[in-house]
Amino acid sequence: MARSEAVLLISLVFLASLGISDAAKKAVPTARKEDVPYIKCQVCEKLTAQLLQQVQKKESQIFPKKVSEFQIIEIAENVCNLKKEEGDWIFQIDIAENGDALELVEQGTEGECNSECKTIERACQEVLGYSDTDVAEFLFNKKPDMGSLFKFLCKDLTMACSTKPPPLPKGRVPGESFQPKSSKEAEMEKILRSMQGIPGAPSMKMYSKEDILNNNLENEEGDDDEEEDSFPSNLGKVLKDKQSLKTDWKQRILKGFRETVSSTSLRINKASRRLQDWWKGKKTTSKLSKAKKPEL
């Protein structure tokens, strides 16, 4: 398979891959609620830093450099949500045992989201709660530094850091180890997440992250297959079967994409016809009304 075809195929996979297939569903990790009290204050501190950094980043992207209160509210609403871009920072944190306490350790790269990732998300949501609007208003009006925002959010408003966390219970089962993602995998997840909500997407065939990665790897090996075909080999049948499987998979992707486009077009045409019928009916009613005016 030529590299240009591989690029096209991968692009179509991204368009079609907006969820997880029923066949590839796995057990979804859940938060360890019992760990939340031990990390709540640390989560609040990192949340404070994220709010300031993301507001500053937004300021650098617009001109004039004045972020609206609505934009700050949007950041505050999404910063504890793993499904939003503002919550990406959570993927980079590991929960480690340090004596009789838990410690949040920055890894500098995104990791797989297992129970620890979910636990940090839950702690963040418990800290912020329904105070996101209050925090956004404080950020917009006061333009605080790290210290004043930490005091307002973690001590005065939520009291997440008002008391020292309790010691860990003996015999606590350690969490899973941090498992870094590849840069390609992290980027792919961001693309898929950004495509959520595209009209017509629910009618498309769903593919799992593993399906995409495996087929992506096959595509990268395509050039090597072409080179092998140029030499006499008793593996010709195997290579031919492999190419046939790739072609079949590509056709299924293209079929799903065409069905989605067709389905969306039909819905648009149907709505357009209804609007036209409604307008014709309204004009007809108006003419009849004028024709039946009573004589004075």
Protein backbone atom coordinates (compact mmCIF):
# COMPACT_ATOMS: atom_id res chain seq x y z
CA MET A 1 0.00 0.00 0.00
CA ALA A 2 1.44 3.38 -1.00
CA ARG A 3 2.11 5.87 1.78
CA SER A 4 -0.42 8.37 0.32
CA GLU A 5 -3.12 5.69 0.47
CA ALA A 6 -2.12 4.89 4.03
CA VAL A 7 -2.50 8.54 5.02
CA LEU A 8 -5.96 8.66 3.40
CA LEU A 9 -6.97 5.46 5.14
CA ILE A 10 -5.82 6.71 8.55
CA SER A 11 -7.76 9.95 7.99
CA LEU A 12 -10.92 7.97 7.25
CA VAL A 13 -10.32 5.88 10.36
CA PHE A 14 -10.21 9.06 12.44
CA LEU A 15 -13.53 10.16 10.91
CA ALA A 16 -15.14 6.81 11.61
CA SER A 17 -13.64 6.24 15.06
CA LEU A 18 -15.83 8.27 17.38
CA GLY A 19 -16.36 5.64 20.05
CA ILE A 20 -15.61 2.11 21.17
CA SER A 21 -17.05 -0.91 19.40
CA ASP A 22 -19.24 -3.31 21.34
CA ALA A 23 -16.83 -6.09 20.52
CA ALA A 24 -13.88 -4.21 22.00
CA LYS A 25 -15.45 -2.87 25.18
CA LYS A 26 -13.36 -3.37 28.30
CA ALA A 27 -14.02 -2.94 31.98
CA VAL A 28 -14.12 0.79 32.70
CA PRO A 29 -11.85 1.78 35.63
CA THR A 30 -13.52 3.56 38.53
CA ALA A 31 -12.28 6.01 41.13
CA ARG A 32 -11.12 4.81 44.52
CA LYS A 33 -13.38 7.03 46.61
CA GLU A 34 -11.62 6.04 49.83
CA ASP A 35 -8.41 7.68 48.55
CA VAL A 36 -9.96 11.10 47.91
CA PRO A 37 -9.46 12.54 51.46
CA TYR A 38 -5.72 11.79 51.28
CA ILE A 39 -5.14 13.73 48.05
CA LYS A 40 -7.82 16.44 48.10
CA CYS A 41 -5.54 19.27 49.25
CA GLN A 42 -2.79 18.38 46.74
CA VAL A 43 -5.38 18.19 43.96
CA CYS A 44 -6.66 21.63 44.95
CA GLU A 45 -3.14 23.04 44.76
CA LYS A 46 -2.61 21.63 41.27
CA LEU A 47 -6.08 22.78 40.27
CA THR A 48 -5.12 26.31 41.33
CA ALA A 49 -2.03 26.20 39.11
CA GLN A 50 -4.03 24.84 36.17
CA LEU A 51 -6.67 27.57 36.39
CA LEU A 52 -4.03 30.30 36.28
CA GLN A 53 -2.04 28.63 33.49
CA GLN A 54 -5.07 28.02 31.30
CA VAL A 55 -6.37 31.57 31.69
CA GLN A 56 -2.91 32.89 30.80
CA LYS A 57 -2.77 30.57 27.79
CA LYS A 58 -6.15 31.84 26.64
CA GLU A 59 -4.91 35.42 26.99
CA SER A 60 -1.94 34.65 24.75
CA GLN A 61 -4.26 33.34 22.02
CA ILE A 62 -6.54 36.35 21.68
CA PHE A 63 -6.18 40.05 20.90
CA PRO A 64 -6.56 42.26 22.76
CA LYS A 65 -5.31 40.17 25.69
CA LYS A 66 -8.53 40.34 27.67
CA VAL A 67 -10.27 37.06 28.48
CA SER A 68 -14.00 37.36 29.06
CA GLU A 69 -15.67 36.09 32.21
CA PHE A 70 -17.59 33.59 30.09
CA GLN A 71 -14.32 32.11 28.78
CA ILE A 72 -12.99 31.77 32.33
CA ILE A 73 -16.22 30.09 33.43
CA GLU A 74 -15.82 27.62 30.57
CA ILE A 75 -12.30 26.77 31.78
CA ALA A 76 -13.50 26.34 35.36
CA GLU A 77 -16.38 24.10 34.27
CA ASN A 78 -14.12 21.77 32.24
CA VAL A 79 -10.85 21.69 34.19
CA CYS A 80 -11.93 18.66 36.26
CA ASN A 81 -13.38 16.73 33.31
CA LEU A 82 -11.23 14.07 31.66
CA LYS A 83 -13.38 14.27 28.51
CA LYS A 84 -12.43 17.91 27.96
CA GLU A 85 -9.15 19.40 26.79
CA GLU A 86 -8.95 21.49 29.98
CA GLY A 87 -8.71 18.25 31.99
CA ASP A 88 -5.68 16.83 30.15
CA TRP A 89 -3.39 17.72 33.08
CA ILE A 90 -4.93 14.88 35.12
CA PHE A 91 -3.50 12.27 32.73
CA GLN A 92 0.05 13.33 33.68
CA ILE A 93 -0.20 12.67 37.43
CA ASP A 94 0.62 9.48 39.32
CA ILE A 95 -0.49 8.69 42.88
CA ALA A 96 2.43 7.27 44.86
CA GLU A 97 2.69 6.07 48.45
CA ASN A 98 5.10 8.07 50.60
CA GLY A 99 5.21 6.59 54.07
CA ASP A 100 1.75 6.92 55.58
CA ALA A 101 0.61 9.47 52.98
CA LEU A 102 -0.26 9.64 49.30
CA GLU A 103 1.69 11.95 47.01
CA LEU A 104 0.78 13.31 43.59
CA VAL A 105 3.78 13.02 41.28
CA GLU A 106 4.02 14.88 37.95
CA GLN A 107 5.22 12.55 35.18
CA GLY A 108 5.69 15.07 32.37
CA THR A 109 3.78 12.87 29.93
CA GLU A 110 0.29 11.47 29.62
CA GLY A 111 -0.45 8.02 30.98
CA GLU A 112 -3.20 5.46 30.65
CA CYS A 113 -6.30 6.49 32.60
CA ASN A 114 -6.92 3.78 35.17
CA SER A 115 -8.38 4.01 38.67
CA GLU A 116 -5.80 6.57 39.88
CA CYS A 117 -6.64 8.92 37.02
CA LYS A 118 -10.34 8.61 37.85
CA THR A 119 -9.61 9.17 41.54
CA ILE A 120 -7.84 12.47 40.82
CA GLU A 121 -10.74 13.54 38.60
CA ARG A 122 -13.24 12.76 41.38
CA ALA A 123 -11.17 14.62 43.98
CA CYS A 124 -10.98 17.64 41.66
CA GLN A 125 -14.74 17.59 41.14
CA GLU A 126 -15.36 17.32 44.89
CA VAL A 127 -13.05 20.27 45.52
CA LEU A 128 -14.57 22.55 42.91
CA GLY A 129 -18.14 21.32 43.28
CA TYR A 130 -20.61 24.09 42.46
CA SER A 131 -18.01 26.80 43.08
CA ASP A 132 -16.76 27.04 39.49
CA THR A 133 -18.69 30.26 38.84
CA ASP A 134 -17.37 31.84 42.08
CA VAL A 135 -13.81 30.90 41.16
CA ALA A 136 -14.24 32.27 37.63
CA GLU A 137 -15.59 35.54 39.00
CA PHE A 138 -12.64 35.81 41.40
CA LEU A 139 -10.18 35.17 38.56
CA PHE A 140 -11.86 37.73 36.31
CA ASN A 141 -12.20 40.52 38.87
CA LYS A 142 -9.17 40.09 41.13
CA LYS A 143 -6.49 38.87 38.69
CA PRO A 144 -4.94 36.87 41.56
CA ASP A 145 -1.51 35.30 41.81
CA MET A 146 -0.94 31.67 42.82
CA GLY A 147 -0.91 32.38 46.56
CA SER A 148 -4.09 34.43 46.73
CA LEU A 149 -6.02 32.05 44.46
CA PHE A 150 -4.87 29.05 46.54
CA LYS A 151 -6.06 30.73 49.73
CA PHE A 152 -9.40 31.68 48.21
CA LEU A 153 -10.10 28.30 46.58
CA CYS A 154 -8.46 25.75 48.87
CA LYS A 155 -8.94 27.35 52.28
CA ASP A 156 -11.71 29.95 52.27
CA LEU A 157 -14.13 28.68 49.63
CA THR A 158 -13.83 24.89 49.69
CA MET A 159 -11.72 24.27 52.83
CA ALA A 160 -9.95 21.45 50.94
CA CYS A 161 -6.71 22.35 52.72
CA SER A 162 -8.17 23.55 56.03
CA THR A 163 -7.13 20.35 57.82
CA LYS A 164 -4.26 17.92 57.49
CA PRO A 165 -5.16 14.68 55.66
CA PRO A 166 -5.40 11.57 57.85
CA PRO A 167 -2.67 8.90 57.76
CA LEU A 168 -3.11 6.03 55.37
CA PRO A 169 -4.71 2.92 56.85
CA LYS A 170 -2.43 -0.08 57.25
CA GLY A 171 -2.83 -2.73 54.63
CA ARG A 172 -4.01 -0.34 51.92
CA VAL A 173 -3.76 -1.99 48.52
CA PRO A 174 -1.41 0.10 46.31
CA GLY A 175 -2.72 1.52 43.06
CA GLU A 176 -1.54 0.56 39.60
CA SER A 177 1.80 1.77 38.27
CA PHE A 178 1.92 4.71 35.86
CA GLN A 179 1.79 3.55 32.23
CA PRO A 180 2.87 6.25 29.72
CA LYS A 181 1.05 6.61 26.42
CA SER A 182 2.90 6.94 23.15
CA SER A 183 2.75 10.41 21.59
CA LYS A 184 0.74 9.00 18.66
CA GLU A 185 -1.79 7.41 20.99
CA ALA A 186 -2.22 10.61 23.02
CA GLU A 187 -2.68 12.69 19.86
CA MET A 188 -5.17 10.21 18.43
CA GLU A 189 -7.31 10.37 21.58
CA LYS A 190 -7.34 14.17 21.43
CA ILE A 191 -8.49 14.07 17.80
CA LEU A 192 -11.26 11.58 18.56
CA ARG A 193 -12.40 13.60 21.55
CA SER A 194 -12.52 16.81 19.51
CA MET A 195 -14.73 15.08 16.92
CA GLN A 196 -17.41 14.08 19.43
CA GLY A 197 -20.81 15.54 18.57
CA ILE A 198 -20.31 15.74 14.80
CA PRO A 199 -23.76 15.42 13.10
CA GLY A 200 -24.39 11.93 11.74
CA ALA A 201 -21.64 10.33 13.80
CA PRO A 202 -23.96 7.95 15.73
CA SER A 203 -24.79 6.07 12.49
CA MET A 204 -21.13 5.33 11.77
CA LYS A 205 -19.43 2.06 12.65
CA MET A 206 -17.46 2.38 15.88
CA TYR A 207 -13.88 1.21 16.25
CA SER A 208 -11.80 0.77 19.38
CA LYS A 209 -8.51 2.54 20.04
CA GLU A 210 -6.76 -0.84 19.76
CA ASP A 211 -8.36 -1.54 16.36
CA ILE A 212 -7.12 1.79 15.03
CA LEU A 213 -3.60 1.35 16.37
CA ASN A 214 -3.30 -2.20 15.04
CA ASN A 215 -4.49 -1.27 11.57
CA ASN A 216 -2.31 1.83 11.66
CA LEU A 217 0.69 -0.38 12.28
CA GLU A 218 -0.32 -2.61 9.39
CA ASN A 219 -0.46 0.39 7.10
CA GLU A 220 3.05 1.45 8.10
CA GLU A 221 4.25 -2.02 7.17
CA GLY A 222 2.62 -1.76 3.75
CA ASP A 223 5.71 -0.39 1.98
CA ASP A 224 7.74 -3.30 3.27
CA ASP A 225 5.15 -5.69 1.82
CA GLU A 226 5.60 -4.13 -1.61
CA GLU A 227 9.35 -4.63 -1.39
CA GLU A 228 8.90 -8.28 -0.41
CA ASP A 229 6.59 -8.85 -3.40
CA SER A 230 9.41 -7.88 -5.77
CA PHE A 231 11.46 -10.93 -4.73
CA PRO A 232 10.69 -14.60 -5.43
CA SER A 233 9.11 -16.02 -2.30
CA ASN A 234 6.96 -18.90 -1.21
CA LEU A 235 5.04 -16.46 1.03
CA GLY A 236 3.15 -14.94 -1.87
CA LYS A 237 -0.18 -16.44 -0.85
CA VAL A 238 0.19 -15.21 2.73
CA LEU A 239 1.01 -11.70 1.58
CA LYS A 240 -1.88 -11.76 -0.87
CA ASP A 241 -4.31 -12.80 1.89
CA LYS A 242 -2.97 -10.07 4.15
CA GLN A 243 -3.47 -7.45 1.42
CA SER A 244 -7.00 -8.76 0.85
CA LEU A 245 -7.80 -8.30 4.54
CA LYS A 246 -6.49 -4.72 4.41
CA THR A 247 -8.61 -3.98 1.33
CA ASP A 248 -11.71 -5.43 2.97
CA TRP A 249 -11.13 -3.36 6.09
CA LYS A 250 -10.64 -0.22 3.99
CA GLN A 251 -13.87 -0.87 2.09
CA ARG A 252 -15.80 -1.24 5.36
CA ILE A 253 -14.48 2.11 6.55
CA LEU A 254 -15.40 3.79 3.26
CA LYS A 255 -18.85 2.21 3.34
CA GLY A 256 -19.50 3.49 6.85
CA PHE A 257 -18.36 6.97 5.87
CA ARG A 258 -20.58 7.04 2.77
CA GLU A 259 -23.58 5.80 4.77
CA THR A 260 -23.07 8.60 7.28
CA VAL A 261 -22.88 11.28 4.58
CA SER A 262 -25.94 9.80 2.87
CA SER A 263 -27.92 9.62 6.11
CA THR A 264 -27.07 13.21 6.99
CA SER A 265 -28.04 14.42 3.49
CA LEU A 266 -31.38 12.61 3.70
CA ARG A 267 -32.20 14.26 7.03
CA ILE A 268 -31.33 17.69 5.62
CA ASN A 269 -33.44 17.12 2.48
CA LYS A 270 -36.36 15.86 4.57
CA ALA A 271 -36.25 18.93 6.80
CA SER A 272 -36.02 21.16 3.73
CA ARG A 273 -39.10 19.54 2.17
CA ARG A 274 -41.06 19.96 5.40
CA LEU A 275 -40.14 23.64 5.50
CA GLN A 276 -41.21 24.10 1.88
CA ASP A 277 -44.53 22.30 2.50
CA TRP A 278 -45.15 24.43 5.58
CA TRP A 279 -44.47 27.63 3.61
CA LYS A 280 -46.74 26.59 0.73
CA GLY A 281 -49.50 25.74 3.19
CA LYS A 282 -49.13 29.09 4.89
CA LYS A 283 -49.38 30.98 1.56
CA THR A 284 -52.44 28.95 0.57
CA THR A 285 -54.14 29.67 3.89
CA SER A 286 -53.38 33.37 3.49
CA LYS A 287 -54.96 33.48 0.00
CA LEU A 288 -58.07 31.66 1.18
CA SER A 289 -58.39 34.02 4.10
CA LYS A 290 -58.28 37.06 1.79
CA ALA A 291 -60.80 35.51 -0.60
CA LYS A 292 -63.32 34.92 2.21
CA LYS A 293 -63.38 38.45 3.62
CA PRO A 294 -66.95 39.34 4.61
CA GLU A 295 -68.72 42.05 2.59
CA LEU A 296 -69.37 45.30 4.45
